[in-house]
Amino acid sequence: MDTATHIVMGFGLAGLATLDPTVAQSPLTYQAVMIGVVAGSVIPDIDTVLKLKDNATYIRNHRGMTHSLPATALWPFILAAIILALVPGANAGQLVFWTLAAVCIHVFVDIFNAYGTQAVRPLTEKWVALGTINIFDPFIFIMHLIGFAIWQTIGHPGVTFILIYAIIAVYYVLRGIYHRNTIKYIRSQIPELTKVYLSPTIRWSHYHLAAESEKYFYVGKVNGRKLYMIDRFDRTPINFDNKMIQAAAQDKNVRAFLSFSPIFHWSIAQRNGRNVIQFTDLRYYSKGTYPFTATVWLDKNLHVQSSYTGWVFSERKLRKKLVLARMHS
């Protein structure tokens, strides 16, 4: 989820914590738990600071180790130790319990969008991405705002948010059912598909589609019960015997892209006396372009002149980023 939704979930969990007698009867414990659940609701995304280094490092690591099983277990104790130093006298056990709940909920809800997490790491580094909920879901956010309004006026925070989260849980189930039925519909239209990747939008029945068969990659969109095809690409395996591909594959930006993207199109072209190798993730088609890419410029001797990976929405901006990367390399 987006940061704003994680934050409101933290405050919602603080309201829910008032159902715990130990928390409700101790102002110090409640204060500590409030800090703990809000901090726990955002702490797994601390890896966002990796953007300050470069996109390759960020892409390889975001929602990786900080969302893993060991990190999920450790964050509550790290946060509790800090909070207890600031709020001595709070109940340590309840603080750890509610902070753990906040961290677990953060990781859990991140699984439901198309980006996903490595939540099962270190058992496996596979990305878990169910693709049923958009990064920002207006319904979930608005339900929290309604809960806060009731909390501040006529309702008990604990009772209010247990009802709010019951409604949101039903919403998740219904979105999951609709997502599954949409995949069935797509497969009925293109029976030869072997894999289907659906990316939800903020609209209930609208999805971005990337899919593959034995011979082709497909890109399209689903609006309600209508499937609109946008592109079809020959599914050509990467030829790692090709010297240009070998050179590009050594670049950190390309390695980061390949570690993350499950379905992509690749191409080799020659422009302005250089070889251009481009990898394009097919899941993020938007406004006539594929914004998530890894692109490498190679000279005639197959040395990397420049490279870039990340989200960019025009060829002009991509060239500008490659020029800047070359200047700083």
C-alpha atoms as a PDB file:
ATOM      1  CA  MET A   1       0.000   0.000   0.000  1.00  0.00           C
ATOM      2  CA  ASP A   2       0.979   3.642  -0.211  1.00  0.00           C
ATOM      3  CA  THR A   3       2.481   5.401   2.798  1.00  0.00           C
ATOM      4  CA  ALA A   4      -0.669   7.389   3.606  1.00  0.00           C
ATOM      5  CA  THR A   5      -2.764   4.217   3.845  1.00  0.00           C
ATOM      6  CA  HIS A   6      -0.158   2.516   6.026  1.00  0.00           C
ATOM      7  CA  ILE A   7      -0.254   5.520   8.386  1.00  0.00           C
ATOM      8  CA  VAL A   8      -4.045   5.584   8.690  1.00  0.00           C
ATOM      9  CA  MET A   9      -3.974   1.831   9.294  1.00  0.00           C
ATOM     10  CA  GLY A  10      -1.574   2.491  12.161  1.00  0.00           C
ATOM     11  CA  PHE A  11      -3.960   4.950  13.788  1.00  0.00           C
ATOM     12  CA  GLY A  12      -6.858   2.572  13.143  1.00  0.00           C
ATOM     13  CA  LEU A  13      -4.956  -0.186  14.918  1.00  0.00           C
ATOM     14  CA  ALA A  14      -4.369   2.204  17.823  1.00  0.00           C
ATOM     15  CA  GLY A  15      -8.137   2.564  18.070  1.00  0.00           C
ATOM     16  CA  LEU A  16      -8.537  -1.200  17.966  1.00  0.00           C
ATOM     17  CA  ALA A  17      -5.965  -1.560  20.759  1.00  0.00           C
ATOM     18  CA  THR A  18      -8.346   0.158  23.187  1.00  0.00           C
ATOM     19  CA  LEU A  19     -10.230  -3.169  23.334  1.00  0.00           C
ATOM     20  CA  ASP A  20      -7.189  -4.521  25.197  1.00  0.00           C
ATOM     21  CA  PRO A  21      -7.870  -3.897  28.927  1.00  0.00           C
ATOM     22  CA  THR A  22      -4.166  -3.460  29.715  1.00  0.00           C
ATOM     23  CA  VAL A  23      -3.904  -0.743  27.084  1.00  0.00           C
ATOM     24  CA  ALA A  24      -7.233   0.932  27.885  1.00  0.00           C
ATOM     25  CA  GLN A  25      -6.535   1.165  31.637  1.00  0.00           C
ATOM     26  CA  SER A  26      -3.022   2.606  31.388  1.00  0.00           C
ATOM     27  CA  PRO A  27      -2.483   6.014  29.747  1.00  0.00           C
ATOM     28  CA  LEU A  28       1.258   5.352  29.549  1.00  0.00           C
ATOM     29  CA  THR A  29       0.764   2.007  27.842  1.00  0.00           C
ATOM     30  CA  TYR A  30      -1.794   3.481  25.461  1.00  0.00           C
ATOM     31  CA  GLN A  31       0.592   6.301  24.572  1.00  0.00           C
ATOM     32  CA  ALA A  32       3.402   3.809  23.927  1.00  0.00           C
ATOM     33  CA  VAL A  33       1.139   1.530  21.877  1.00  0.00           C
ATOM     34  CA  MET A  34      -0.082   4.483  19.809  1.00  0.00           C
ATOM     35  CA  ILE A  35       3.514   5.349  18.925  1.00  0.00           C
ATOM     36  CA  GLY A  36       4.359   1.675  18.371  1.00  0.00           C
ATOM     37  CA  VAL A  37       1.524   0.841  15.985  1.00  0.00           C
ATOM     38  CA  VAL A  38       2.002   3.962  13.873  1.00  0.00           C
ATOM     39  CA  ALA A  39       5.762   3.388  13.685  1.00  0.00           C
ATOM     40  CA  GLY A  40       5.244  -0.330  13.073  1.00  0.00           C
ATOM     41  CA  SER A  41       2.853   0.445  10.249  1.00  0.00           C
ATOM     42  CA  VAL A  42       5.533   2.295   8.268  1.00  0.00           C
ATOM     43  CA  ILE A  43       8.901   0.876   9.458  1.00  0.00           C
ATOM     44  CA  PRO A  44       9.123  -1.925   6.826  1.00  0.00           C
ATOM     45  CA  ASP A  45       9.255   0.784   4.147  1.00  0.00           C
ATOM     46  CA  ILE A  46      12.420   2.261   5.634  1.00  0.00           C
ATOM     47  CA  ASP A  47      14.211   0.745   2.657  1.00  0.00           C
ATOM     48  CA  THR A  48      12.768   3.600   0.583  1.00  0.00           C
ATOM     49  CA  VAL A  49      15.916   5.540   1.573  1.00  0.00           C
ATOM     50  CA  LEU A  50      17.786   3.303  -0.894  1.00  0.00           C
ATOM     51  CA  LYS A  51      16.410   5.568  -3.631  1.00  0.00           C
ATOM     52  CA  LEU A  52      19.025   8.060  -2.477  1.00  0.00           C
ATOM     53  CA  LYS A  53      21.718   5.667  -3.669  1.00  0.00           C
ATOM     54  CA  ASP A  54      20.340   4.578  -7.040  1.00  0.00           C
ATOM     55  CA  ASN A  55      17.312   2.945  -8.644  1.00  0.00           C
ATOM     56  CA  ALA A  56      19.021  -0.415  -9.113  1.00  0.00           C
ATOM     57  CA  THR A  57      19.687  -0.798  -5.398  1.00  0.00           C
ATOM     58  CA  TYR A  58      16.163   0.366  -4.582  1.00  0.00           C
ATOM     59  CA  ILE A  59      14.477  -2.029  -7.027  1.00  0.00           C
ATOM     60  CA  ARG A  60      16.517  -5.011  -5.860  1.00  0.00           C
ATOM     61  CA  ASN A  61      15.827  -4.357  -2.188  1.00  0.00           C
ATOM     62  CA  HIS A  62      12.522  -2.487  -1.762  1.00  0.00           C
ATOM     63  CA  ARG A  63      10.001  -4.716   0.031  1.00  0.00           C
ATOM     64  CA  GLY A  64      12.706  -7.315   0.286  1.00  0.00           C
ATOM     65  CA  MET A  65      14.668  -7.894   3.479  1.00  0.00           C
ATOM     66  CA  THR A  66      12.727  -5.261   5.462  1.00  0.00           C
ATOM     67  CA  HIS A  67       9.508  -7.201   4.743  1.00  0.00           C
ATOM     68  CA  SER A  68      11.044 -10.630   5.362  1.00  0.00           C
ATOM     69  CA  LEU A  69      10.182 -13.069   8.139  1.00  0.00           C
ATOM     70  CA  PRO A  70      13.269 -12.194  10.282  1.00  0.00           C
ATOM     71  CA  ALA A  71      12.656  -8.447   9.912  1.00  0.00           C
ATOM     72  CA  THR A  72       8.959  -8.809  10.733  1.00  0.00           C
ATOM     73  CA  ALA A  73       9.948 -10.584  13.943  1.00  0.00           C
ATOM     74  CA  LEU A  74      12.677  -8.096  14.879  1.00  0.00           C
ATOM     75  CA  TRP A  75      11.032  -4.731  14.119  1.00  0.00           C
ATOM     76  CA  PRO A  76       8.640  -4.858  17.144  1.00  0.00           C
ATOM     77  CA  PHE A  77      11.484  -5.439  19.605  1.00  0.00           C
ATOM     78  CA  ILE A  78      13.654  -2.699  18.074  1.00  0.00           C
ATOM     79  CA  LEU A  79      10.778  -0.214  18.148  1.00  0.00           C
ATOM     80  CA  ALA A  80       9.667  -1.284  21.637  1.00  0.00           C
ATOM     81  CA  ALA A  81      13.162  -0.736  23.030  1.00  0.00           C
ATOM     82  CA  ILE A  82      13.237   2.804  21.626  1.00  0.00           C
ATOM     83  CA  ILE A  83       9.695   3.633  22.745  1.00  0.00           C
ATOM     84  CA  LEU A  84      10.205   2.289  26.278  1.00  0.00           C
ATOM     85  CA  ALA A  85      13.196   4.600  26.611  1.00  0.00           C
ATOM     86  CA  LEU A  86      10.874   7.490  25.758  1.00  0.00           C
ATOM     87  CA  VAL A  87       7.825   6.226  27.683  1.00  0.00           C
ATOM     88  CA  PRO A  88       9.131   4.353  30.732  1.00  0.00           C
ATOM     89  CA  GLY A  89       6.524   2.529  32.734  1.00  0.00           C
ATOM     90  CA  ALA A  90       4.505   1.279  29.752  1.00  0.00           C
ATOM     91  CA  ASN A  91       3.639  -2.400  29.567  1.00  0.00           C
ATOM     92  CA  ALA A  92       6.412  -3.903  27.438  1.00  0.00           C
ATOM     93  CA  GLY A  93       4.536  -7.081  26.560  1.00  0.00           C
ATOM     94  CA  GLN A  94       1.488  -5.317  25.162  1.00  0.00           C
ATOM     95  CA  LEU A  95       3.665  -2.797  23.361  1.00  0.00           C
ATOM     96  CA  VAL A  96       5.541  -5.587  21.564  1.00  0.00           C
ATOM     97  CA  PHE A  97       2.282  -7.432  20.799  1.00  0.00           C
ATOM     98  CA  TRP A  98       0.512  -4.465  19.186  1.00  0.00           C
ATOM     99  CA  THR A  99       3.636  -3.281  17.372  1.00  0.00           C
ATOM    100  CA  LEU A 100       4.074  -6.794  15.977  1.00  0.00           C
ATOM    101  CA  ALA A 101       0.457  -6.690  14.803  1.00  0.00           C
ATOM    102  CA  ALA A 102       1.134  -3.404  12.989  1.00  0.00           C
ATOM    103  CA  VAL A 103       4.246  -4.738  11.236  1.00  0.00           C
ATOM    104  CA  CYS A 104       2.490  -7.966  10.230  1.00  0.00           C
ATOM    105  CA  ILE A 105      -0.488  -6.053   8.834  1.00  0.00           C
ATOM    106  CA  HIS A 106       1.844  -3.815   6.814  1.00  0.00           C
ATOM    107  CA  VAL A 107       3.573  -6.808   5.205  1.00  0.00           C
ATOM    108  CA  PHE A 108       0.280  -8.672   4.766  1.00  0.00           C
ATOM    109  CA  VAL A 109      -1.546  -5.902   2.909  1.00  0.00           C
ATOM    110  CA  ASP A 110       1.474  -5.289   0.650  1.00  0.00           C
ATOM    111  CA  ILE A 111       1.099  -8.831  -0.669  1.00  0.00           C
ATOM    112  CA  PHE A 112      -2.230  -7.947  -2.280  1.00  0.00           C
ATOM    113  CA  ASN A 113      -0.973  -5.392  -4.819  1.00  0.00           C
ATOM    114  CA  ALA A 114       0.796  -6.091  -8.092  1.00  0.00           C
ATOM    115  CA  TYR A 115       4.242  -5.028  -6.815  1.00  0.00           C
ATOM    116  CA  GLY A 116       4.221  -7.528  -3.962  1.00  0.00           C
ATOM    117  CA  THR A 117       6.891  -8.338  -1.376  1.00  0.00           C
ATOM    118  CA  GLN A 118       9.478 -10.964  -0.526  1.00  0.00           C
ATOM    119  CA  ALA A 119       7.474 -11.732   2.593  1.00  0.00           C
ATOM    120  CA  VAL A 120       8.589 -15.371   2.796  1.00  0.00           C
ATOM    121  CA  ARG A 121      12.290 -14.578   2.601  1.00  0.00           C
ATOM    122  CA  PRO A 122      14.655 -16.276   3.559  1.00  0.00           C
ATOM    123  CA  LEU A 123      12.675 -19.463   2.827  1.00  0.00           C
ATOM    124  CA  THR A 124      12.400 -18.199  -0.755  1.00  0.00           C
ATOM    125  CA  GLU A 125      13.232 -14.949  -2.521  1.00  0.00           C
ATOM    126  CA  LYS A 126      10.144 -15.293  -4.720  1.00  0.00           C
ATOM    127  CA  TRP A 127       7.990 -12.168  -4.950  1.00  0.00           C
ATOM    128  CA  VAL A 128       4.509 -12.694  -3.521  1.00  0.00           C
ATOM    129  CA  ALA A 129       2.113 -10.433  -5.413  1.00  0.00           C
ATOM    130  CA  LEU A 130      -1.576 -11.319  -5.567  1.00  0.00           C
ATOM    131  CA  GLY A 131      -2.577  -8.284  -7.637  1.00  0.00           C
ATOM    132  CA  THR A 132      -6.040  -7.839  -6.148  1.00  0.00           C
ATOM    133  CA  ILE A 133      -5.754  -4.394  -4.493  1.00  0.00           C
ATOM    134  CA  ASN A 134      -4.327  -1.221  -5.978  1.00  0.00           C
ATOM    135  CA  ILE A 135      -1.363   0.497  -4.280  1.00  0.00           C
ATOM    136  CA  PHE A 136      -3.829   3.193  -3.231  1.00  0.00           C
ATOM    137  CA  ASP A 137      -7.376   1.984  -2.700  1.00  0.00           C
ATOM    138  CA  PRO A 138      -9.897   4.802  -2.122  1.00  0.00           C
ATOM    139  CA  PHE A 139     -12.387   2.520  -0.361  1.00  0.00           C
ATOM    140  CA  ILE A 140      -9.863   1.369   2.248  1.00  0.00           C
ATOM    141  CA  PHE A 141      -8.619   4.910   2.853  1.00  0.00           C
ATOM    142  CA  ILE A 142     -12.120   6.403   3.105  1.00  0.00           C
ATOM    143  CA  MET A 143     -13.253   3.664   5.499  1.00  0.00           C
ATOM    144  CA  HIS A 144     -10.469   4.697   7.856  1.00  0.00           C
ATOM    145  CA  LEU A 145     -11.475   8.357   7.616  1.00  0.00           C
ATOM    146  CA  ILE A 146     -15.067   7.378   8.449  1.00  0.00           C
ATOM    147  CA  GLY A 147     -13.756   5.399  11.410  1.00  0.00           C
ATOM    148  CA  PHE A 148     -11.789   8.391  12.700  1.00  0.00           C
ATOM    149  CA  ALA A 149     -14.851  10.628  12.370  1.00  0.00           C
ATOM    150  CA  ILE A 150     -16.977   8.180  14.394  1.00  0.00           C
ATOM    151  CA  TRP A 151     -14.180   7.785  16.949  1.00  0.00           C
ATOM    152  CA  GLN A 152     -14.048  11.545  17.498  1.00  0.00           C
ATOM    153  CA  THR A 153     -17.805  11.967  17.809  1.00  0.00           C
ATOM    154  CA  ILE A 154     -20.117   9.174  18.891  1.00  0.00           C
ATOM    155  CA  GLY A 155     -18.236   5.886  18.794  1.00  0.00           C
ATOM    156  CA  HIS A 156     -15.858   3.825  20.927  1.00  0.00           C
ATOM    157  CA  PRO A 157     -12.555   3.545  18.996  1.00  0.00           C
ATOM    158  CA  GLY A 158     -12.170  -0.187  19.582  1.00  0.00           C
ATOM    159  CA  VAL A 159     -15.730  -1.104  18.602  1.00  0.00           C
ATOM    160  CA  THR A 160     -15.617   1.313  15.670  1.00  0.00           C
ATOM    161  CA  PHE A 161     -12.462  -0.151  14.187  1.00  0.00           C
ATOM    162  CA  ILE A 162     -13.342  -3.773  14.734  1.00  0.00           C
ATOM    163  CA  LEU A 163     -16.402  -3.055  12.565  1.00  0.00           C
ATOM    164  CA  ILE A 164     -14.333  -1.070  10.048  1.00  0.00           C
ATOM    165  CA  TYR A 165     -11.806  -3.880   9.699  1.00  0.00           C
ATOM    166  CA  ALA A 166     -14.556  -6.481   9.395  1.00  0.00           C
ATOM    167  CA  ILE A 167     -15.945  -4.504   6.440  1.00  0.00           C
ATOM    168  CA  ILE A 168     -12.480  -4.134   4.900  1.00  0.00           C
ATOM    169  CA  ALA A 169     -11.855  -7.883   5.323  1.00  0.00           C
ATOM    170  CA  VAL A 170     -15.055  -8.633   3.400  1.00  0.00           C
ATOM    171  CA  TYR A 171     -13.936  -6.127   0.765  1.00  0.00           C
ATOM    172  CA  TYR A 172     -10.608  -7.962   0.360  1.00  0.00           C
ATOM    173  CA  VAL A 173     -12.434 -11.265  -0.080  1.00  0.00           C
ATOM    174  CA  LEU A 174     -14.798  -9.808  -2.689  1.00  0.00           C
ATOM    175  CA  ARG A 175     -11.899  -8.219  -4.588  1.00  0.00           C
ATOM    176  CA  GLY A 176     -10.108 -11.560  -4.549  1.00  0.00           C
ATOM    177  CA  ILE A 177     -13.157 -13.367  -5.923  1.00  0.00           C
ATOM    178  CA  TYR A 178     -13.620 -10.757  -8.653  1.00  0.00           C
ATOM    179  CA  HIS A 179      -9.922 -10.979  -9.536  1.00  0.00           C
ATOM    180  CA  ARG A 180     -10.128 -14.772  -9.851  1.00  0.00           C
ATOM    181  CA  ASN A 181     -13.258 -14.554 -12.003  1.00  0.00           C
ATOM    182  CA  THR A 182     -11.610 -11.949 -14.225  1.00  0.00           C
ATOM    183  CA  ILE A 183      -8.681 -14.290 -14.847  1.00  0.00           C
ATOM    184  CA  LYS A 184     -11.140 -17.059 -15.760  1.00  0.00           C
ATOM    185  CA  TYR A 185     -12.826 -14.699 -18.204  1.00  0.00           C
ATOM    186  CA  ILE A 186      -9.498 -13.744 -19.807  1.00  0.00           C
ATOM    187  CA  ARG A 187      -8.510 -17.387 -20.193  1.00  0.00           C
ATOM    188  CA  SER A 188     -11.857 -18.100 -21.825  1.00  0.00           C
ATOM    189  CA  GLN A 189     -11.055 -15.404 -24.395  1.00  0.00           C
ATOM    190  CA  ILE A 190      -7.445 -16.513 -24.978  1.00  0.00           C
ATOM    191  CA  PRO A 191      -7.318 -20.223 -24.044  1.00  0.00           C
ATOM    192  CA  GLU A 192      -3.640 -20.667 -24.936  1.00  0.00           C
ATOM    193  CA  LEU A 193      -2.424 -18.404 -22.109  1.00  0.00           C
ATOM    194  CA  THR A 194       0.045 -20.006 -19.713  1.00  0.00           C
ATOM    195  CA  LYS A 195       0.412 -17.064 -17.281  1.00  0.00           C
ATOM    196  CA  VAL A 196      -1.759 -14.050 -16.529  1.00  0.00           C
ATOM    197  CA  TYR A 197      -0.672 -10.956 -14.591  1.00  0.00           C
ATOM    198  CA  LEU A 198      -3.464  -8.601 -13.574  1.00  0.00           C
ATOM    199  CA  SER A 199      -2.677  -5.209 -12.072  1.00  0.00           C
ATOM    200  CA  PRO A 200      -5.656  -3.593 -10.321  1.00  0.00           C
ATOM    201  CA  THR A 201      -6.560   0.063 -10.694  1.00  0.00           C
ATOM    202  CA  ILE A 202      -8.503   2.320  -8.335  1.00  0.00           C
ATOM    203  CA  ARG A 203     -11.662   1.256 -10.184  1.00  0.00           C
ATOM    204  CA  TRP A 204     -13.199  -2.032  -9.038  1.00  0.00           C
ATOM    205  CA  SER A 205     -13.634  -3.652 -12.451  1.00  0.00           C
ATOM    206  CA  HIS A 206     -10.683  -2.176 -14.345  1.00  0.00           C
ATOM    207  CA  TYR A 207      -7.369  -4.009 -14.652  1.00  0.00           C
ATOM    208  CA  HIS A 208      -4.156  -3.779 -16.634  1.00  0.00           C
ATOM    209  CA  LEU A 209      -3.293  -7.107 -18.247  1.00  0.00           C
ATOM    210  CA  ALA A 210       0.015  -8.707 -19.146  1.00  0.00           C
ATOM    211  CA  ALA A 211      -0.029 -12.359 -20.172  1.00  0.00           C
ATOM    212  CA  GLU A 212       1.991 -14.955 -21.980  1.00  0.00           C
ATOM    213  CA  SER A 213       1.450 -18.047 -24.105  1.00  0.00           C
ATOM    214  CA  GLU A 214       4.010 -20.405 -25.590  1.00  0.00           C
ATOM    215  CA  LYS A 215       4.535 -18.054 -28.560  1.00  0.00           C
ATOM    216  CA  TYR A 216       3.446 -14.563 -27.529  1.00  0.00           C
ATOM    217  CA  PHE A 217       3.296 -11.893 -24.867  1.00  0.00           C
ATOM    218  CA  TYR A 218       0.011  -9.991 -24.637  1.00  0.00           C
ATOM    219  CA  VAL A 219      -0.792  -6.575 -23.181  1.00  0.00           C
ATOM    220  CA  GLY A 220      -4.316  -5.319 -22.692  1.00  0.00           C
ATOM    221  CA  LYS A 221      -6.873  -3.960 -20.292  1.00  0.00           C
ATOM    222  CA  VAL A 222     -10.086  -5.250 -18.788  1.00  0.00           C
ATOM    223  CA  ASN A 223     -12.983  -2.859 -18.315  1.00  0.00           C
ATOM    224  CA  GLY A 224     -15.788  -4.708 -16.629  1.00  0.00           C
ATOM    225  CA  ARG A 225     -16.473  -7.748 -18.746  1.00  0.00           C
ATOM    226  CA  LYS A 226     -14.733  -6.399 -21.832  1.00  0.00           C
ATOM    227  CA  LEU A 227     -11.198  -7.349 -22.803  1.00  0.00           C
ATOM    228  CA  TYR A 228      -9.268  -4.876 -24.960  1.00  0.00           C
ATOM    229  CA  MET A 229      -5.975  -6.029 -26.469  1.00  0.00           C
ATOM    230  CA  ILE A 230      -3.293  -3.365 -26.875  1.00  0.00           C
ATOM    231  CA  ASP A 231      -0.104  -5.155 -27.967  1.00  0.00           C
ATOM    232  CA  ARG A 232       1.199  -8.574 -28.862  1.00  0.00           C
ATOM    233  CA  PHE A 233       4.904  -9.442 -28.953  1.00  0.00           C
ATOM    234  CA  ASP A 234       6.687 -12.554 -30.135  1.00  0.00           C
ATOM    235  CA  ARG A 235       7.934 -14.386 -27.082  1.00  0.00           C
ATOM    236  CA  THR A 236      11.616 -14.609 -27.939  1.00  0.00           C
ATOM    237  CA  PRO A 237      13.865 -16.102 -25.244  1.00  0.00           C
ATOM    238  CA  ILE A 238      16.876 -13.995 -24.305  1.00  0.00           C
ATOM    239  CA  ASN A 239      19.898 -15.212 -26.203  1.00  0.00           C
ATOM    240  CA  PHE A 240      22.651 -15.113 -23.599  1.00  0.00           C
ATOM    241  CA  ASP A 241      25.098 -16.342 -26.241  1.00  0.00           C
ATOM    242  CA  ASN A 242      24.732 -12.945 -27.896  1.00  0.00           C
ATOM    243  CA  LYS A 243      27.748 -10.825 -26.902  1.00  0.00           C
ATOM    244  CA  MET A 244      25.669  -7.642 -26.582  1.00  0.00           C
ATOM    245  CA  ILE A 245      23.236  -9.395 -24.254  1.00  0.00           C
ATOM    246  CA  GLN A 246      26.146 -10.784 -22.256  1.00  0.00           C
ATOM    247  CA  ALA A 247      27.586  -7.287 -21.848  1.00  0.00           C
ATOM    248  CA  ALA A 248      24.224  -5.764 -20.892  1.00  0.00           C
ATOM    249  CA  ALA A 249      23.491  -8.547 -18.406  1.00  0.00           C
ATOM    250  CA  GLN A 250      26.557  -7.567 -16.390  1.00  0.00           C
ATOM    251  CA  ASP A 251      25.162  -4.092 -15.759  1.00  0.00           C
ATOM    252  CA  LYS A 252      23.698  -3.528 -12.280  1.00  0.00           C
ATOM    253  CA  ASN A 253      20.576  -1.820 -13.642  1.00  0.00           C
ATOM    254  CA  VAL A 254      19.764  -4.746 -15.910  1.00  0.00           C
ATOM    255  CA  ARG A 255      20.420  -7.268 -13.132  1.00  0.00           C
ATOM    256  CA  ALA A 256      18.061  -5.353 -10.842  1.00  0.00           C
ATOM    257  CA  PHE A 257      15.356  -5.274 -13.522  1.00  0.00           C
ATOM    258  CA  LEU A 258      15.657  -8.989 -14.315  1.00  0.00           C
ATOM    259  CA  SER A 259      15.517  -9.898 -10.624  1.00  0.00           C
ATOM    260  CA  PHE A 260      12.173  -8.129 -10.290  1.00  0.00           C
ATOM    261  CA  SER A 261      10.240  -8.351 -13.553  1.00  0.00           C
ATOM    262  CA  PRO A 262       8.443 -11.640 -14.332  1.00  0.00           C
ATOM    263  CA  ILE A 263       7.218 -10.655 -17.813  1.00  0.00           C
ATOM    264  CA  PHE A 264       9.129  -8.370 -20.152  1.00  0.00           C
ATOM    265  CA  HIS A 265       9.932  -7.679 -23.789  1.00  0.00           C
ATOM    266  CA  TRP A 266      13.513  -7.066 -24.902  1.00  0.00           C
ATOM    267  CA  SER A 267      15.033  -5.498 -28.010  1.00  0.00           C
ATOM    268  CA  ILE A 268      18.348  -4.567 -29.583  1.00  0.00           C
ATOM    269  CA  ALA A 269      18.708  -1.527 -31.810  1.00  0.00           C
ATOM    270  CA  GLN A 270      21.443   0.709 -33.179  1.00  0.00           C
ATOM    271  CA  ARG A 271      21.063   4.459 -32.742  1.00  0.00           C
ATOM    272  CA  ASN A 272      23.591   7.259 -33.175  1.00  0.00           C
ATOM    273  CA  GLY A 273      26.479   4.828 -33.516  1.00  0.00           C
ATOM    274  CA  ARG A 274      25.704   2.917 -30.333  1.00  0.00           C
ATOM    275  CA  ASN A 275      23.950  -0.341 -29.478  1.00  0.00           C
ATOM    276  CA  VAL A 276      20.778   0.103 -27.423  1.00  0.00           C
ATOM    277  CA  ILE A 277      19.535  -2.876 -25.433  1.00  0.00           C
ATOM    278  CA  GLN A 278      16.194  -2.340 -23.773  1.00  0.00           C
ATOM    279  CA  PHE A 279      14.124  -4.486 -21.402  1.00  0.00           C
ATOM    280  CA  THR A 280      10.507  -3.414 -20.877  1.00  0.00           C
ATOM    281  CA  ASP A 281       8.199  -4.681 -18.132  1.00  0.00           C
ATOM    282  CA  LEU A 282       4.817  -5.379 -19.723  1.00  0.00           C
ATOM    283  CA  ARG A 283       2.754  -5.073 -16.532  1.00  0.00           C
ATOM    284  CA  TYR A 284       2.789  -1.290 -16.293  1.00  0.00           C
ATOM    285  CA  TYR A 285       1.433  -0.078 -19.624  1.00  0.00           C
ATOM    286  CA  SER A 286       0.112   3.472 -19.159  1.00  0.00           C
ATOM    287  CA  LYS A 287      -0.949   6.211 -21.565  1.00  0.00           C
ATOM    288  CA  GLY A 288       0.621   4.630 -24.604  1.00  0.00           C
ATOM    289  CA  THR A 289       3.954   3.732 -23.038  1.00  0.00           C
ATOM    290  CA  TYR A 290       5.679   1.091 -20.938  1.00  0.00           C
ATOM    291  CA  PRO A 291       7.266   3.194 -18.200  1.00  0.00           C
ATOM    292  CA  PHE A 292       9.249   0.542 -16.292  1.00  0.00           C
ATOM    293  CA  THR A 293      12.395  -0.228 -18.240  1.00  0.00           C
ATOM    294  CA  ALA A 294      16.058  -1.125 -18.085  1.00  0.00           C
ATOM    295  CA  THR A 295      18.056   0.399 -20.930  1.00  0.00           C
ATOM    296  CA  VAL A 296      21.760   0.085 -21.736  1.00  0.00           C
ATOM    297  CA  TRP A 297      23.936   1.958 -24.205  1.00  0.00           C
ATOM    298  CA  LEU A 298      26.920  -0.057 -25.489  1.00  0.00           C
ATOM    299  CA  ASP A 299      29.718   1.328 -27.649  1.00  0.00           C
ATOM    300  CA  LYS A 300      31.178  -0.526 -30.660  1.00  0.00           C
ATOM    301  CA  ASN A 301      33.500  -2.427 -28.328  1.00  0.00           C
ATOM    302  CA  LEU A 302      30.495  -3.524 -26.239  1.00  0.00           C
ATOM    303  CA  HIS A 303      31.501  -1.428 -23.241  1.00  0.00           C
ATOM    304  CA  VAL A 304      28.640   0.072 -21.238  1.00  0.00           C
ATOM    305  CA  GLN A 305      28.421   3.796 -21.936  1.00  0.00           C
ATOM    306  CA  SER A 306      25.329   4.383 -19.805  1.00  0.00           C
ATOM    307  CA  SER A 307      22.389   2.553 -18.270  1.00  0.00           C
ATOM    308  CA  TYR A 308      19.192   3.260 -16.434  1.00  0.00           C
ATOM    309  CA  THR A 309      16.391   1.344 -14.764  1.00  0.00           C
ATOM    310  CA  GLY A 310      13.174   2.709 -13.307  1.00  0.00           C
ATOM    311  CA  TRP A 311       9.952   4.407 -14.295  1.00  0.00           C
ATOM    312  CA  VAL A 312      10.115   6.919 -17.127  1.00  0.00           C
ATOM    313  CA  PHE A 313       7.190   8.031 -19.288  1.00  0.00           C
ATOM    314  CA  SER A 314       8.757   9.278 -22.520  1.00  0.00           C
ATOM    315  CA  GLU A 315      11.670   8.438 -24.799  1.00  0.00           C
ATOM    316  CA  ARG A 316      12.968  11.996 -24.439  1.00  0.00           C
ATOM    317  CA  LYS A 317      13.134  11.712 -20.637  1.00  0.00           C
ATOM    318  CA  LEU A 318      14.770   8.304 -20.920  1.00  0.00           C
ATOM    319  CA  ARG A 319      17.510   9.719 -23.163  1.00  0.00           C
ATOM    320  CA  LYS A 320      18.017  12.586 -20.714  1.00  0.00           C
ATOM    321  CA  LYS A 321      18.436  10.147 -17.813  1.00  0.00           C
ATOM    322  CA  LEU A 322      20.897   8.058 -19.820  1.00  0.00           C
ATOM    323  CA  VAL A 323      22.909  11.155 -20.714  1.00  0.00           C
ATOM    324  CA  LEU A 324      22.987  12.224 -17.061  1.00  0.00           C
ATOM    325  CA  ALA A 325      23.976   8.723 -15.963  1.00  0.00           C
ATOM    326  CA  ARG A 326      26.806   8.750 -18.495  1.00  0.00           C
ATOM    327  CA  MET A 327      28.044  12.117 -17.242  1.00  0.00           C
ATOM    328  CA  HIS A 328      28.119  10.872 -13.634  1.00  0.00           C
ATOM    329  CA  SER A 329      29.674   7.483 -14.351  1.00  0.00           C
END
